[in-house]
Amino acid sequence: MISSNELSDPGMSDSTLLELSVVLPAYLEAESLRSLLPEIKAGAAALTSSYEVLVVDTRERMDDTDAVCQINGVRHIHRRGGDQYGDAVRTGIADARGRHIFFMDADGSHSPSYFAAIWAKRDIWDIVIGSRYAKGGHTENPAILIAMSYAVNLTFRLAFNIRARDVTNSFRLYRAKVIKPLRLESNDFDIVEEVLIKASFRKPPATVGEVPVTFARRKAGESKRKLVQFALGYLTTLQKLRRFALAARREAETK
C-alpha cells in the first residue's frame, strides 16, 4: 500500500497512482466495520498490492468509526458538503487515488468475496456492477423490498435505456477516468442511478456489465434507506433523473 504522506501529496503523478481504491460511505457503521474491514483488506490485497481502503465518515464524529479505521490501518476521512449519502460519494470519488474505484456499502450487505469476480472484468467494462438480478444473483431482502426494487430497476432500465438489470445497487467497480469527471448532483441514494445515466451519455459512452452477487442482510446497525420515504419520492426521483439525462445528452451533443 502507498504511504499516508504520498496520499496527501496533491502533486502525485499518474505513475504513482494506486491500482485500486475501495471506498465505503459510512454513517454510524463502526460496529459493522470492525469485522468487515479485515475482510476488505484481505480481498483487496488478493487482487493487487497497490491498493487503499477509504472510509468516508460523517462530517462530525458520531461513533468509533475513526478508531476502527486506525486499528485496521485504512484511510478515514470526513465527507464534505453535508452528511447525506451523495456527499459521501462525491467526497470518496474526489479523494480516491486508484485507477479503479470499488464502491461498496459499509453495513456488510456487499461481500468482499465477490471482489475477484468483479475485478476480473475491469478490462472489459468501464463500470462493473455487482448484480442481484443478473443470472445467478440473489438478494436476502424481504419480499416487499425485492418487489419494489425489481419494479424500480425495470422502470429505470426502460426510461433511460440502461443496459443493466441492477441499476440501483451501489456495489460497483469504476474506471476512475470515467467517474471522476462526472458532475454529480444528487444528495440521496439516487446518485447511484445518476452515475449510470451520466456515464452512459458521455463521449464515448461508458460500457457497463454485471457480475452476479448475493445482497446480504445488513450485519449490524439500522438501514439508512427508508421504505416509505423512498416510495413517496419515487416519481420525484424519476423526474429528476430524466432531467439529468436530457442535460447529459445535450452536453454530449455539443462536444
C-alpha atoms as a PDB file:
ATOM      1  CA  MET A   1       0.000   0.000   0.000  1.00  0.00           C
ATOM      2  CA  ILE A   2       1.104   3.580  -0.619  1.00  0.00           C
ATOM      3  CA  SER A   3       2.133   5.659   2.395  1.00  0.00           C
ATOM      4  CA  SER A   4      -0.099   8.279   4.028  1.00  0.00           C
ATOM      5  CA  ASN A   5       2.390  11.018   3.102  1.00  0.00           C
ATOM      6  CA  GLU A   6       2.204  10.107  -0.573  1.00  0.00           C
ATOM      7  CA  LEU A   7      -1.581  10.010  -0.416  1.00  0.00           C
ATOM      8  CA  SER A   8      -1.701  13.563   0.883  1.00  0.00           C
ATOM      9  CA  ASP A   9       0.590  14.918  -1.825  1.00  0.00           C
ATOM     10  CA  PRO A  10      -1.541  16.786  -4.420  1.00  0.00           C
ATOM     11  CA  GLY A  11       1.327  16.674  -6.888  1.00  0.00           C
ATOM     12  CA  MET A  12       1.337  12.914  -7.339  1.00  0.00           C
ATOM     13  CA  SER A  13       1.915  11.940 -10.952  1.00  0.00           C
ATOM     14  CA  ASP A  14      -0.122   9.351 -12.827  1.00  0.00           C
ATOM     15  CA  SER A  15       2.747   6.904 -12.496  1.00  0.00           C
ATOM     16  CA  THR A  16       2.366   6.913  -8.689  1.00  0.00           C
ATOM     17  CA  LEU A  17      -1.386   6.288  -8.657  1.00  0.00           C
ATOM     18  CA  LEU A  18      -2.689   3.171  -6.985  1.00  0.00           C
ATOM     19  CA  GLU A  19      -4.313   0.374  -8.935  1.00  0.00           C
ATOM     20  CA  LEU A  20      -7.359   0.190  -6.654  1.00  0.00           C
ATOM     21  CA  SER A  21      -9.323   2.272  -4.175  1.00  0.00           C
ATOM     22  CA  VAL A  22     -12.068   0.647  -2.110  1.00  0.00           C
ATOM     23  CA  VAL A  23     -14.478   3.351  -0.936  1.00  0.00           C
ATOM     24  CA  LEU A  24     -17.084   2.871   1.793  1.00  0.00           C
ATOM     25  CA  PRO A  25     -19.553   5.653   2.660  1.00  0.00           C
ATOM     26  CA  ALA A  26     -20.196   5.192   6.393  1.00  0.00           C
ATOM     27  CA  TYR A  27     -22.843   6.630   8.711  1.00  0.00           C
ATOM     28  CA  LEU A  28     -22.816   5.102  12.210  1.00  0.00           C
ATOM     29  CA  GLU A  29     -21.283   1.870  10.895  1.00  0.00           C
ATOM     30  CA  ALA A  30     -18.442   1.326  13.385  1.00  0.00           C
ATOM     31  CA  GLU A  31     -19.883  -1.957  14.646  1.00  0.00           C
ATOM     32  CA  SER A  32     -20.140  -3.426  11.160  1.00  0.00           C
ATOM     33  CA  LEU A  33     -16.730  -2.115  10.083  1.00  0.00           C
ATOM     34  CA  ARG A  34     -14.948  -3.938  12.915  1.00  0.00           C
ATOM     35  CA  SER A  35     -15.473  -7.259  11.180  1.00  0.00           C
ATOM     36  CA  LEU A  36     -15.774  -6.007   7.592  1.00  0.00           C
ATOM     37  CA  LEU A  37     -12.533  -4.036   7.204  1.00  0.00           C
ATOM     38  CA  PRO A  38     -10.176  -7.003   7.720  1.00  0.00           C
ATOM     39  CA  GLU A  39     -12.139  -8.928   5.081  1.00  0.00           C
ATOM     40  CA  ILE A  40     -11.955  -5.993   2.669  1.00  0.00           C
ATOM     41  CA  LYS A  41      -8.197  -5.590   3.153  1.00  0.00           C
ATOM     42  CA  ALA A  42      -7.618  -9.292   2.574  1.00  0.00           C
ATOM     43  CA  GLY A  43      -9.847  -9.250  -0.521  1.00  0.00           C
ATOM     44  CA  ALA A  44      -8.159  -6.177  -1.986  1.00  0.00           C
ATOM     45  CA  ALA A  45      -4.656  -7.483  -1.256  1.00  0.00           C
ATOM     46  CA  ALA A  46      -5.507 -10.658  -3.169  1.00  0.00           C
ATOM     47  CA  LEU A  47      -6.178  -8.502  -6.241  1.00  0.00           C
ATOM     48  CA  THR A  48      -3.199  -6.149  -6.114  1.00  0.00           C
ATOM     49  CA  SER A  49      -0.575  -4.901  -3.684  1.00  0.00           C
ATOM     50  CA  SER A  50      -1.272  -1.357  -4.913  1.00  0.00           C
ATOM     51  CA  TYR A  51      -4.490  -0.507  -3.118  1.00  0.00           C
ATOM     52  CA  GLU A  52      -6.106   1.649  -0.443  1.00  0.00           C
ATOM     53  CA  VAL A  53      -9.284   1.354   1.624  1.00  0.00           C
ATOM     54  CA  LEU A  54     -11.058   4.650   2.201  1.00  0.00           C
ATOM     55  CA  VAL A  55     -13.902   5.088   4.721  1.00  0.00           C
ATOM     56  CA  VAL A  56     -15.921   8.278   4.183  1.00  0.00           C
ATOM     57  CA  ASP A  57     -17.435   9.170   7.550  1.00  0.00           C
ATOM     58  CA  THR A  58     -19.861  11.871   8.693  1.00  0.00           C
ATOM     59  CA  ARG A  59     -18.639  15.475   8.961  1.00  0.00           C
ATOM     60  CA  GLU A  60     -18.541  15.318  12.772  1.00  0.00           C
ATOM     61  CA  ARG A  61     -17.578  12.308  14.868  1.00  0.00           C
ATOM     62  CA  MET A  62     -20.705  10.284  15.736  1.00  0.00           C
ATOM     63  CA  ASP A  63     -19.237   6.899  16.763  1.00  0.00           C
ATOM     64  CA  ASP A  64     -15.950   4.987  16.842  1.00  0.00           C
ATOM     65  CA  THR A  65     -15.513   4.713  13.066  1.00  0.00           C
ATOM     66  CA  ASP A  66     -12.272   6.719  13.177  1.00  0.00           C
ATOM     67  CA  ALA A  67     -10.783   4.425  15.820  1.00  0.00           C
ATOM     68  CA  VAL A  68     -11.860   1.291  13.934  1.00  0.00           C
ATOM     69  CA  CYS A  69     -10.167   2.629  10.793  1.00  0.00           C
ATOM     70  CA  GLN A  70      -6.974   3.409  12.693  1.00  0.00           C
ATOM     71  CA  ILE A  71      -6.845  -0.085  14.206  1.00  0.00           C
ATOM     72  CA  ASN A  72      -7.240  -1.600  10.727  1.00  0.00           C
ATOM     73  CA  GLY A  73      -4.783   0.747   9.026  1.00  0.00           C
ATOM     74  CA  VAL A  74      -7.209   2.227   6.489  1.00  0.00           C
ATOM     75  CA  ARG A  75      -7.853   5.821   5.484  1.00  0.00           C
ATOM     76  CA  HIS A  76     -10.564   7.669   7.374  1.00  0.00           C
ATOM     77  CA  ILE A  77     -11.892  10.976   6.029  1.00  0.00           C
ATOM     78  CA  HIS A  78     -14.922  13.158   6.707  1.00  0.00           C
ATOM     79  CA  ARG A  79     -17.398  13.848   3.939  1.00  0.00           C
ATOM     80  CA  ARG A  80     -17.579  17.378   2.601  1.00  0.00           C
ATOM     81  CA  GLY A  81     -20.628  19.464   1.729  1.00  0.00           C
ATOM     82  CA  GLY A  82     -23.091  17.697   4.044  1.00  0.00           C
ATOM     83  CA  ASP A  83     -23.901  14.435   5.773  1.00  0.00           C
ATOM     84  CA  GLN A  84     -26.025  12.869   3.048  1.00  0.00           C
ATOM     85  CA  TYR A  85     -25.110   9.813   1.010  1.00  0.00           C
ATOM     86  CA  GLY A  86     -24.425  11.878  -2.100  1.00  0.00           C
ATOM     87  CA  ASP A  87     -21.898  13.974  -0.178  1.00  0.00           C
ATOM     88  CA  ALA A  88     -20.067  10.801   0.845  1.00  0.00           C
ATOM     89  CA  VAL A  89     -19.990   9.511  -2.741  1.00  0.00           C
ATOM     90  CA  ARG A  90     -18.682  12.794  -4.150  1.00  0.00           C
ATOM     91  CA  THR A  91     -16.028  13.023  -1.421  1.00  0.00           C
ATOM     92  CA  GLY A  92     -14.963   9.422  -1.993  1.00  0.00           C
ATOM     93  CA  ILE A  93     -14.633   9.901  -5.743  1.00  0.00           C
ATOM     94  CA  ALA A  94     -12.602  13.077  -5.296  1.00  0.00           C
ATOM     95  CA  ASP A  95     -10.215  11.589  -2.718  1.00  0.00           C
ATOM     96  CA  ALA A  96      -9.741   8.106  -4.206  1.00  0.00           C
ATOM     97  CA  ARG A  97      -6.287   7.614  -5.697  1.00  0.00           C
ATOM     98  CA  GLY A  98      -6.837   4.384  -7.595  1.00  0.00           C
ATOM     99  CA  ARG A  99      -7.120   3.841 -11.329  1.00  0.00           C
ATOM    100  CA  HIS A 100     -10.107   1.682 -10.428  1.00  0.00           C
ATOM    101  CA  ILE A 101     -12.570   2.530  -7.660  1.00  0.00           C
ATOM    102  CA  PHE A 102     -14.657  -0.060  -5.827  1.00  0.00           C
ATOM    103  CA  PHE A 103     -17.737   1.359  -4.106  1.00  0.00           C
ATOM    104  CA  MET A 104     -19.487  -0.800  -1.527  1.00  0.00           C
ATOM    105  CA  ASP A 105     -21.781  -0.416   1.483  1.00  0.00           C
ATOM    106  CA  ALA A 106     -20.318  -0.376   4.982  1.00  0.00           C
ATOM    107  CA  ASP A 107     -23.107  -2.470   6.529  1.00  0.00           C
ATOM    108  CA  GLY A 108     -21.909  -5.892   5.376  1.00  0.00           C
ATOM    109  CA  SER A 109     -24.516  -6.343   2.634  1.00  0.00           C
ATOM    110  CA  HIS A 110     -21.758  -6.297  -0.010  1.00  0.00           C
ATOM    111  CA  SER A 111     -19.267  -9.122   0.433  1.00  0.00           C
ATOM    112  CA  PRO A 112     -15.563  -8.822  -0.434  1.00  0.00           C
ATOM    113  CA  SER A 113     -15.784 -12.457  -1.552  1.00  0.00           C
ATOM    114  CA  TYR A 114     -17.010 -11.073  -4.911  1.00  0.00           C
ATOM    115  CA  PHE A 115     -14.018  -8.779  -5.427  1.00  0.00           C
ATOM    116  CA  ALA A 116     -12.134 -11.236  -7.630  1.00  0.00           C
ATOM    117  CA  ALA A 117     -15.065 -11.961  -9.982  1.00  0.00           C
ATOM    118  CA  ILE A 118     -15.802  -8.247 -10.428  1.00  0.00           C
ATOM    119  CA  TRP A 119     -12.117  -7.261 -10.724  1.00  0.00           C
ATOM    120  CA  ALA A 120     -11.640  -9.860 -13.470  1.00  0.00           C
ATOM    121  CA  LYS A 121     -13.936  -7.790 -15.743  1.00  0.00           C
ATOM    122  CA  ARG A 122     -12.131  -4.467 -15.235  1.00  0.00           C
ATOM    123  CA  ASP A 123     -10.535  -4.519 -18.697  1.00  0.00           C
ATOM    124  CA  ILE A 124     -13.814  -5.394 -20.405  1.00  0.00           C
ATOM    125  CA  TRP A 125     -16.215  -2.803 -18.942  1.00  0.00           C
ATOM    126  CA  ASP A 126     -15.831   0.742 -17.604  1.00  0.00           C
ATOM    127  CA  ILE A 127     -18.423   0.043 -14.899  1.00  0.00           C
ATOM    128  CA  VAL A 128     -18.829  -3.433 -13.407  1.00  0.00           C
ATOM    129  CA  ILE A 129     -21.953  -3.885 -11.289  1.00  0.00           C
ATOM    130  CA  GLY A 130     -22.259  -6.486  -8.565  1.00  0.00           C
ATOM    131  CA  SER A 131     -25.747  -7.504  -9.659  1.00  0.00           C
ATOM    132  CA  ARG A 132     -28.589  -9.040  -7.676  1.00  0.00           C
ATOM    133  CA  TYR A 133     -30.622  -9.568 -10.839  1.00  0.00           C
ATOM    134  CA  ALA A 134     -28.090 -10.978 -13.288  1.00  0.00           C
ATOM    135  CA  LYS A 135     -28.343 -14.742 -13.755  1.00  0.00           C
ATOM    136  CA  GLY A 136     -27.010 -16.329 -10.577  1.00  0.00           C
ATOM    137  CA  GLY A 137     -27.586 -13.215  -8.454  1.00  0.00           C
ATOM    138  CA  HIS A 138     -29.666 -13.164  -5.282  1.00  0.00           C
ATOM    139  CA  THR A 139     -30.905 -10.864  -2.515  1.00  0.00           C
ATOM    140  CA  GLU A 140     -31.769 -11.655   1.091  1.00  0.00           C
ATOM    141  CA  ASN A 141     -34.120  -8.690   1.463  1.00  0.00           C
ATOM    142  CA  PRO A 142     -37.794  -9.200   2.432  1.00  0.00           C
ATOM    143  CA  ALA A 143     -40.223  -9.930  -0.409  1.00  0.00           C
ATOM    144  CA  ILE A 144     -41.770  -6.434  -0.345  1.00  0.00           C
ATOM    145  CA  LEU A 145     -38.361  -4.811  -0.813  1.00  0.00           C
ATOM    146  CA  ILE A 146     -37.436  -7.236  -3.592  1.00  0.00           C
ATOM    147  CA  ALA A 147     -40.681  -6.464  -5.445  1.00  0.00           C
ATOM    148  CA  MET A 148     -40.188  -2.703  -5.101  1.00  0.00           C
ATOM    149  CA  SER A 149     -36.546  -2.927  -6.139  1.00  0.00           C
ATOM    150  CA  TYR A 150     -37.359  -5.024  -9.190  1.00  0.00           C
ATOM    151  CA  ALA A 151     -40.073  -2.563 -10.288  1.00  0.00           C
ATOM    152  CA  VAL A 152     -37.776   0.423  -9.823  1.00  0.00           C
ATOM    153  CA  ASN A 153     -34.927  -1.219 -11.729  1.00  0.00           C
ATOM    154  CA  LEU A 154     -37.225  -2.170 -14.592  1.00  0.00           C
ATOM    155  CA  THR A 155     -38.543   1.397 -14.808  1.00  0.00           C
ATOM    156  CA  PHE A 156     -35.074   2.927 -14.787  1.00  0.00           C
ATOM    157  CA  ARG A 157     -33.802   0.492 -17.435  1.00  0.00           C
ATOM    158  CA  LEU A 158     -36.677   1.312 -19.779  1.00  0.00           C
ATOM    159  CA  ALA A 159     -36.788   5.060 -19.077  1.00  0.00           C
ATOM    160  CA  PHE A 160     -33.074   5.643 -19.610  1.00  0.00           C
ATOM    161  CA  ASN A 161     -32.100   2.742 -21.888  1.00  0.00           C
ATOM    162  CA  ILE A 162     -29.550   1.438 -19.399  1.00  0.00           C
ATOM    163  CA  ARG A 163     -28.229  -1.969 -20.380  1.00  0.00           C
ATOM    164  CA  ALA A 164     -28.047  -3.465 -16.905  1.00  0.00           C
ATOM    165  CA  ARG A 165     -30.543  -5.388 -14.821  1.00  0.00           C
ATOM    166  CA  ASP A 166     -29.445  -3.990 -11.455  1.00  0.00           C
ATOM    167  CA  VAL A 167     -29.391  -0.222 -11.846  1.00  0.00           C
ATOM    168  CA  THR A 168     -29.762   0.635  -8.152  1.00  0.00           C
ATOM    169  CA  ASN A 169     -27.094  -1.498  -6.464  1.00  0.00           C
ATOM    170  CA  SER A 170     -24.125   0.576  -5.300  1.00  0.00           C
ATOM    171  CA  PHE A 171     -21.687  -2.377  -5.282  1.00  0.00           C
ATOM    172  CA  ARG A 172     -19.616  -1.389  -8.327  1.00  0.00           C
ATOM    173  CA  LEU A 173     -16.151  -1.117  -9.792  1.00  0.00           C
ATOM    174  CA  TYR A 174     -15.484   2.041 -11.830  1.00  0.00           C
ATOM    175  CA  ARG A 175     -12.659   3.182 -14.034  1.00  0.00           C
ATOM    176  CA  ALA A 176     -11.542   6.368 -12.284  1.00  0.00           C
ATOM    177  CA  LYS A 177     -11.127   8.231 -15.582  1.00  0.00           C
ATOM    178  CA  VAL A 178     -14.814   7.618 -16.317  1.00  0.00           C
ATOM    179  CA  ILE A 179     -16.336   8.553 -12.970  1.00  0.00           C
ATOM    180  CA  LYS A 180     -14.097  11.394 -11.766  1.00  0.00           C
ATOM    181  CA  PRO A 181     -15.106  13.926 -14.478  1.00  0.00           C
ATOM    182  CA  LEU A 182     -18.846  13.436 -13.824  1.00  0.00           C
ATOM    183  CA  ARG A 183     -20.666  16.363 -12.179  1.00  0.00           C
ATOM    184  CA  LEU A 184     -22.908  14.521  -9.738  1.00  0.00           C
ATOM    185  CA  GLU A 185     -25.750  16.468  -8.129  1.00  0.00           C
ATOM    186  CA  SER A 186     -27.943  14.027  -6.196  1.00  0.00           C
ATOM    187  CA  ASN A 187     -27.744  14.028  -2.414  1.00  0.00           C
ATOM    188  CA  ASP A 188     -29.609  10.816  -1.673  1.00  0.00           C
ATOM    189  CA  PHE A 189     -29.237   7.207  -2.823  1.00  0.00           C
ATOM    190  CA  ASP A 190     -30.385   8.155  -6.338  1.00  0.00           C
ATOM    191  CA  ILE A 191     -26.827   9.303  -7.004  1.00  0.00           C
ATOM    192  CA  VAL A 192     -26.222   5.612  -7.794  1.00  0.00           C
ATOM    193  CA  GLU A 193     -28.577   5.861 -10.790  1.00  0.00           C
ATOM    194  CA  GLU A 194     -27.281   9.321 -11.712  1.00  0.00           C
ATOM    195  CA  VAL A 195     -23.786   7.893 -12.202  1.00  0.00           C
ATOM    196  CA  LEU A 196     -25.027   5.334 -14.732  1.00  0.00           C
ATOM    197  CA  ILE A 197     -27.153   7.874 -16.598  1.00  0.00           C
ATOM    198  CA  LYS A 198     -24.420  10.471 -16.937  1.00  0.00           C
ATOM    199  CA  ALA A 199     -21.737   7.903 -17.738  1.00  0.00           C
ATOM    200  CA  SER A 200     -23.971   6.463 -20.473  1.00  0.00           C
ATOM    201  CA  PHE A 201     -24.230   9.845 -22.214  1.00  0.00           C
ATOM    202  CA  ARG A 202     -20.548  10.784 -22.090  1.00  0.00           C
ATOM    203  CA  LYS A 203     -18.425  10.502 -25.243  1.00  0.00           C
ATOM    204  CA  PRO A 204     -17.599   7.732 -25.714  1.00  0.00           C
ATOM    205  CA  PRO A 205     -20.393   6.148 -23.641  1.00  0.00           C
ATOM    206  CA  ALA A 206     -19.228   4.092 -20.688  1.00  0.00           C
ATOM    207  CA  THR A 207     -19.501   0.347 -21.117  1.00  0.00           C
ATOM    208  CA  VAL A 208     -21.456  -1.394 -18.374  1.00  0.00           C
ATOM    209  CA  GLY A 209     -21.513  -5.061 -17.374  1.00  0.00           C
ATOM    210  CA  GLU A 210     -22.733  -7.171 -14.480  1.00  0.00           C
ATOM    211  CA  VAL A 211     -21.404  -9.940 -12.276  1.00  0.00           C
ATOM    212  CA  PRO A 212     -23.909 -11.900 -10.160  1.00  0.00           C
ATOM    213  CA  VAL A 213     -23.687 -11.403  -6.385  1.00  0.00           C
ATOM    214  CA  THR A 214     -25.788 -12.091  -3.328  1.00  0.00           C
ATOM    215  CA  PHE A 215     -27.010  -8.984  -1.494  1.00  0.00           C
ATOM    216  CA  ALA A 216     -26.953  -9.942   2.195  1.00  0.00           C
ATOM    217  CA  ARG A 217     -28.953  -8.556   5.087  1.00  0.00           C
ATOM    218  CA  ARG A 218     -27.027  -5.890   6.967  1.00  0.00           C
ATOM    219  CA  LYS A 219     -24.832  -7.328   9.718  1.00  0.00           C
ATOM    220  CA  ALA A 220     -25.297  -4.540  12.301  1.00  0.00           C
ATOM    221  CA  GLY A 221     -26.964  -1.174  12.855  1.00  0.00           C
ATOM    222  CA  GLU A 222     -30.035   0.236  11.147  1.00  0.00           C
ATOM    223  CA  SER A 223     -30.707   0.814   7.455  1.00  0.00           C
ATOM    224  CA  LYS A 224     -30.466   4.419   6.245  1.00  0.00           C
ATOM    225  CA  ARG A 225     -32.852   3.655   3.361  1.00  0.00           C
ATOM    226  CA  LYS A 226     -36.403   4.395   4.474  1.00  0.00           C
ATOM    227  CA  LEU A 227     -39.049   2.391   2.594  1.00  0.00           C
ATOM    228  CA  VAL A 228     -41.940   4.862   2.915  1.00  0.00           C
ATOM    229  CA  GLN A 229     -39.738   7.854   2.132  1.00  0.00           C
ATOM    230  CA  PHE A 230     -38.388   6.097  -0.950  1.00  0.00           C
ATOM    231  CA  ALA A 231     -41.873   5.167  -2.189  1.00  0.00           C
ATOM    232  CA  LEU A 232     -43.186   8.709  -1.771  1.00  0.00           C
ATOM    233  CA  GLY A 233     -40.172  10.222  -3.524  1.00  0.00           C
ATOM    234  CA  TYR A 234     -40.054   7.731  -6.392  1.00  0.00           C
ATOM    235  CA  LEU A 235     -41.796   9.895  -9.002  1.00  0.00           C
ATOM    236  CA  THR A 236     -39.791  12.935  -7.979  1.00  0.00           C
ATOM    237  CA  THR A 237     -36.590  10.928  -8.343  1.00  0.00           C
ATOM    238  CA  LEU A 238     -37.631   9.664 -11.777  1.00  0.00           C
ATOM    239  CA  GLN A 239     -38.359  13.214 -12.920  1.00  0.00           C
ATOM    240  CA  LYS A 240     -35.023  14.484 -11.594  1.00  0.00           C
ATOM    241  CA  LEU A 241     -33.095  11.683 -13.288  1.00  0.00           C
ATOM    242  CA  ARG A 242     -34.885  12.397 -16.555  1.00  0.00           C
ATOM    243  CA  ARG A 243     -33.720  15.997 -16.286  1.00  0.00           C
ATOM    244  CA  PHE A 244     -30.155  14.790 -15.714  1.00  0.00           C
ATOM    245  CA  ALA A 245     -30.394  12.522 -18.761  1.00  0.00           C
ATOM    246  CA  LEU A 246     -31.615  15.334 -21.027  1.00  0.00           C
ATOM    247  CA  ALA A 247     -28.875  17.669 -19.805  1.00  0.00           C
ATOM    248  CA  ALA A 248     -26.212  14.982 -20.276  1.00  0.00           C
ATOM    249  CA  ARG A 249     -27.461  14.269 -23.801  1.00  0.00           C
ATOM    250  CA  ARG A 250     -27.333  17.969 -24.738  1.00  0.00           C
ATOM    251  CA  GLU A 251     -23.833  18.318 -23.303  1.00  0.00           C
ATOM    252  CA  ALA A 252     -22.614  15.256 -25.211  1.00  0.00           C
ATOM    253  CA  GLU A 253     -24.089  16.590 -28.467  1.00  0.00           C
ATOM    254  CA  THR A 254     -22.133  19.852 -28.144  1.00  0.00           C
ATOM    255  CA  LYS A 255     -18.776  18.073 -27.825  1.00  0.00           C
END
